[in-house]
Amino acid sequence: MTAEKVSLTDSSENLNSDELKAINKKLDESIKSKKDGGMIGFSPSTEDSNKNSFLDLSSFRLGLNTPNDVKEFLLSSSGKKAIHEILVEEAHQETIKEEKKLQIQEQLMKEEQIKFLLFRMLLEDETESKKAQDELIALQQEEKIKAESNAQKKTKANEPKKDAQDPLEPYDKSIKKLDDDKKDLEQRAKKLKEERGLLTAKYDTYDKDTKEFYNANFDEKV
């Protein structure tokens, strides 16, 4: 798609007759298709047109009153400049989309890492649980530092408005929630440890009673 758009920016003087004819045909088909589809027109929107997607080319004051005017404009120096700016803007928007995708992926990976560490805190032994807890704290500190750095960059040039929301507030809430979840899991882990201790004590008592019963009933007969 990009290659087709770039080819239109080439000077028409460098095109042979067949190439120029092919470009004219492609432009004719494209303009007719969009005009018939109610996407563009050369006068204000009619009742039959979709006002939300309809584009009146005559309103731009570029002399675009017919399909031929559009073709001539696209092949002119002004048209080439407009096409170039569109391509640059599309590339810029695509870059922004990719950056947002990476940010979302990074956030999802971090959330999964946090869940895994919380799971380890709950189920692993005391040593591994402490290691997981330390890793969680390190993650929280990393998020805090990153948030503070981003906030400083945004407010470096201008003073923040008094009624503006604290940029660290979402991160503080997120960290607070992690702290609450950690405390909850610590309580559950403590409870599980106590229950495990009770089960161990019951087993030891049962084992002791069994041995005493065996000694009392079988050792004397031997």
Protein backbone atom coordinates (compact mmCIF):
# COMPACT_ATOMS: atom_id res chain seq x y z
CA MET A 1 0.00 0.00 0.00
CA THR A 2 2.80 2.39 0.84
CA ALA A 3 4.61 1.65 -2.41
CA GLU A 4 1.53 2.69 -4.41
CA LYS A 5 1.24 5.98 -2.53
CA VAL A 6 4.91 6.77 -2.94
CA SER A 7 4.73 6.15 -6.72
CA LEU A 8 2.23 8.99 -7.01
CA THR A 9 4.81 11.41 -5.67
CA ASP A 10 7.16 10.79 -8.60
CA SER A 11 7.28 13.63 -11.07
CA SER A 12 4.87 13.04 -13.96
CA GLU A 13 7.61 14.18 -16.38
CA ASN A 14 9.59 11.03 -15.51
CA LEU A 15 6.71 8.70 -16.42
CA ASN A 16 6.24 7.23 -19.85
CA SER A 17 2.84 7.30 -21.54
CA ASP A 18 1.86 3.78 -20.43
CA GLU A 19 2.74 4.50 -16.79
CA LEU A 20 0.88 7.80 -16.86
CA LYS A 21 -2.12 6.09 -18.45
CA ALA A 22 -2.09 3.40 -15.76
CA ILE A 23 -1.95 6.00 -12.98
CA ASN A 24 -4.80 7.97 -14.55
CA LYS A 25 -6.90 4.82 -14.85
CA LYS A 26 -6.22 3.85 -11.23
CA LEU A 27 -7.10 7.35 -10.03
CA ASP A 28 -10.29 7.37 -12.12
CA GLU A 29 -11.38 4.03 -10.64
CA SER A 30 -10.52 5.05 -7.08
CA ILE A 31 -12.26 8.45 -7.29
CA LYS A 32 -15.36 6.94 -8.93
CA SER A 33 -15.54 4.15 -6.34
CA LYS A 34 -15.37 6.59 -3.42
CA LYS A 35 -17.81 9.01 -5.07
CA ASP A 36 -20.33 6.25 -5.84
CA GLY A 37 -19.91 4.94 -2.30
CA GLY A 38 -20.89 8.29 -0.83
CA MET A 39 -17.46 8.87 0.71
CA ILE A 40 -16.50 11.93 -1.36
CA GLY A 41 -18.30 14.53 -3.46
CA PHE A 42 -17.85 17.89 -5.11
CA SER A 43 -20.73 19.68 -3.40
CA PRO A 44 -22.22 19.77 0.12
CA SER A 45 -23.63 16.52 1.50
CA THR A 46 -27.08 15.45 0.32
CA GLU A 47 -29.67 13.55 2.31
CA ASP A 48 -28.62 10.30 0.65
CA SER A 49 -25.00 10.70 1.76
CA ASN A 50 -23.62 9.47 5.05
CA LYS A 51 -22.81 12.76 6.77
CA ASN A 52 -20.47 11.07 9.24
CA SER A 53 -18.14 9.74 6.50
CA PHE A 54 -18.90 12.10 3.58
CA LEU A 55 -16.09 14.43 2.45
CA ASP A 56 -16.93 17.50 0.34
CA LEU A 57 -13.73 18.13 -1.64
CA SER A 58 -14.98 21.49 -2.92
CA SER A 59 -14.93 22.86 0.64
CA PHE A 60 -11.11 22.80 0.81
CA ARG A 61 -10.70 25.80 -1.55
CA LEU A 62 -8.22 23.92 -3.70
CA GLY A 63 -10.32 24.09 -6.85
CA LEU A 64 -11.33 20.42 -6.56
CA ASN A 65 -14.65 20.57 -8.37
CA THR A 66 -14.33 17.53 -10.67
CA PRO A 67 -12.50 14.17 -10.69
CA ASN A 68 -9.98 15.63 -13.16
CA ASP A 69 -9.22 18.43 -10.68
CA VAL A 70 -8.42 15.80 -8.06
CA LYS A 71 -6.06 13.93 -10.41
CA GLU A 72 -4.25 17.11 -11.41
CA PHE A 73 -3.89 18.11 -7.77
CA LEU A 74 -2.45 14.74 -6.75
CA LEU A 75 0.17 14.94 -9.51
CA SER A 76 1.05 18.58 -8.78
CA SER A 77 3.79 19.73 -6.39
CA SER A 78 1.13 20.63 -3.78
CA GLY A 79 -0.42 17.20 -4.13
CA LYS A 80 2.95 15.51 -3.78
CA LYS A 81 3.61 17.48 -0.61
CA ALA A 82 0.19 16.54 0.79
CA ILE A 83 0.74 12.86 0.02
CA HIS A 84 4.20 12.98 1.62
CA GLU A 85 2.75 14.56 4.78
CA ILE A 86 0.04 11.89 4.91
CA LEU A 87 2.64 9.12 4.62
CA VAL A 88 4.76 10.70 7.35
CA GLU A 89 1.71 11.03 9.63
CA GLU A 90 0.67 7.42 8.95
CA ALA A 91 4.18 6.23 9.83
CA HIS A 92 4.08 8.34 13.00
CA GLN A 93 0.69 6.94 14.04
CA GLU A 94 1.92 3.40 13.34
CA THR A 95 4.93 4.03 15.58
CA ILE A 96 2.64 5.26 18.36
CA LYS A 97 0.47 2.14 18.01
CA GLU A 98 3.51 -0.13 18.25
CA GLU A 99 4.76 1.74 21.34
CA LYS A 100 1.34 1.36 22.99
CA LYS A 101 1.31 -2.36 22.14
CA LEU A 102 4.73 -2.78 23.75
CA GLN A 103 3.59 -0.88 26.86
CA ILE A 104 0.49 -3.08 27.17
CA GLN A 105 2.53 -6.26 26.67
CA GLU A 106 5.06 -5.10 29.27
CA GLN A 107 2.26 -4.33 31.75
CA LEU A 108 0.61 -7.74 31.18
CA MET A 109 3.94 -9.52 31.66
CA LYS A 110 4.54 -7.59 34.88
CA GLU A 111 1.07 -8.49 36.17
CA GLU A 112 1.72 -12.17 35.45
CA GLN A 113 5.07 -11.90 37.24
CA ILE A 114 3.37 -10.37 40.29
CA LYS A 115 0.71 -13.13 40.34
CA PHE A 116 3.44 -15.78 40.14
CA LEU A 117 5.38 -14.21 43.02
CA LEU A 118 2.24 -13.96 45.16
CA PHE A 119 1.50 -17.61 44.40
CA ARG A 120 5.01 -18.56 45.49
CA MET A 121 4.62 -16.60 48.71
CA LEU A 122 1.52 -18.60 49.52
CA LEU A 123 2.67 -22.11 48.65
CA GLU A 124 6.46 -22.26 48.91
CA ASP A 125 8.43 -22.90 52.09
CA GLU A 126 9.57 -20.05 54.32
CA THR A 127 12.88 -19.39 52.50
CA GLU A 128 11.33 -19.30 49.03
CA SER A 129 8.40 -17.26 50.33
CA LYS A 130 10.82 -14.64 51.69
CA LYS A 131 12.62 -14.50 48.33
CA ALA A 132 9.31 -13.99 46.51
CA GLN A 133 8.38 -11.25 48.97
CA ASP A 134 11.70 -9.47 48.36
CA GLU A 135 11.16 -9.67 44.59
CA LEU A 136 7.68 -8.17 44.99
CA ILE A 137 9.08 -5.29 47.02
CA ALA A 138 11.74 -4.71 44.35
CA LEU A 139 9.03 -4.60 41.68
CA GLN A 140 7.05 -2.08 43.70
CA GLN A 141 10.12 0.13 44.10
CA GLU A 142 10.84 -0.11 40.37
CA GLU A 143 7.27 0.98 39.54
CA LYS A 144 7.52 3.87 41.99
CA ILE A 145 10.82 5.09 40.53
CA LYS A 146 9.49 4.82 36.96
CA ALA A 147 6.34 6.73 37.89
CA GLU A 148 8.35 9.49 39.57
CA SER A 149 10.65 9.75 36.55
CA ASN A 150 7.72 10.04 34.13
CA ALA A 151 6.05 12.63 36.35
CA GLN A 152 9.22 14.74 36.45
CA LYS A 153 9.50 14.67 32.65
CA LYS A 154 5.89 15.79 32.21
CA THR A 155 6.08 18.63 34.76
CA LYS A 156 9.59 19.87 34.01
CA ALA A 157 8.53 22.61 31.56
CA ASN A 158 5.26 23.69 33.18
CA GLU A 159 4.00 23.98 36.75
CA PRO A 160 1.18 21.49 37.40
CA LYS A 161 -2.32 22.84 37.91
CA LYS A 162 -3.58 22.79 41.49
CA ASP A 163 -6.65 20.81 40.51
CA ALA A 164 -4.69 18.38 38.32
CA GLN A 165 -4.67 14.76 39.36
CA ASP A 166 -1.48 13.54 40.99
CA PRO A 167 0.28 11.51 38.24
CA LEU A 168 1.54 9.08 40.88
CA GLU A 169 -1.94 8.40 42.24
CA PRO A 170 -2.71 5.42 39.92
CA TYR A 171 0.67 3.86 40.77
CA ASP A 172 0.17 4.50 44.50
CA LYS A 173 -3.23 2.81 44.32
CA SER A 174 -1.72 -0.11 42.42
CA ILE A 175 1.10 -0.47 44.95
CA LYS A 176 -1.36 -0.18 47.86
CA LYS A 177 -3.47 -2.93 46.33
CA LEU A 178 -0.38 -5.12 45.99
CA ASP A 179 0.47 -4.42 49.63
CA ASP A 180 -3.07 -5.38 50.67
CA ASP A 181 -2.93 -8.54 48.55
CA LYS A 182 0.46 -9.39 50.03
CA LYS A 183 -0.84 -8.94 53.59
CA ASP A 184 -3.87 -11.06 52.80
CA LEU A 185 -1.68 -13.80 51.36
CA GLU A 186 0.66 -13.59 54.34
CA GLN A 187 -2.33 -14.13 56.65
CA ARG A 188 -3.46 -17.09 54.57
CA ALA A 189 0.07 -18.49 54.48
CA LYS A 190 0.31 -18.08 58.27
CA LYS A 191 -3.02 -19.85 58.70
CA LEU A 192 -1.91 -22.69 56.42
CA LYS A 193 1.33 -22.98 58.41
CA GLU A 194 -0.63 -23.18 61.67
CA GLU A 195 -2.94 -25.81 60.19
CA ARG A 196 0.07 -27.75 58.95
CA GLY A 197 1.53 -27.55 62.46
CA LEU A 198 -1.71 -28.88 63.96
CA LEU A 199 -1.79 -31.72 61.45
CA THR A 200 1.84 -32.55 62.23
CA ALA A 201 1.08 -32.55 65.97
CA LYS A 202 -1.94 -34.81 65.44
CA TYR A 203 0.16 -37.17 63.33
CA ASP A 204 2.91 -37.25 65.98
CA THR A 205 0.33 -38.02 68.69
CA TYR A 206 -1.22 -40.73 66.52
CA ASP A 207 2.20 -42.21 65.78
CA LYS A 208 3.11 -42.15 69.48
CA ASP A 209 -0.16 -43.82 70.52
CA THR A 210 0.28 -46.47 67.85
CA LYS A 211 3.79 -47.29 69.03
CA GLU A 212 2.68 -47.46 72.67
CA PHE A 213 -0.22 -49.73 71.73
CA TYR A 214 2.09 -51.96 69.73
CA ASN A 215 4.66 -52.12 72.53
CA ALA A 216 2.00 -52.88 75.14
CA ASN A 217 0.28 -55.62 73.18
CA PHE A 218 3.01 -57.29 71.22
CA ASP A 219 6.36 -56.79 72.94
CA GLU A 220 5.14 -58.51 76.15
CA LYS A 221 4.02 -61.58 74.19
CA VAL A 222 7.32 -61.93 72.38
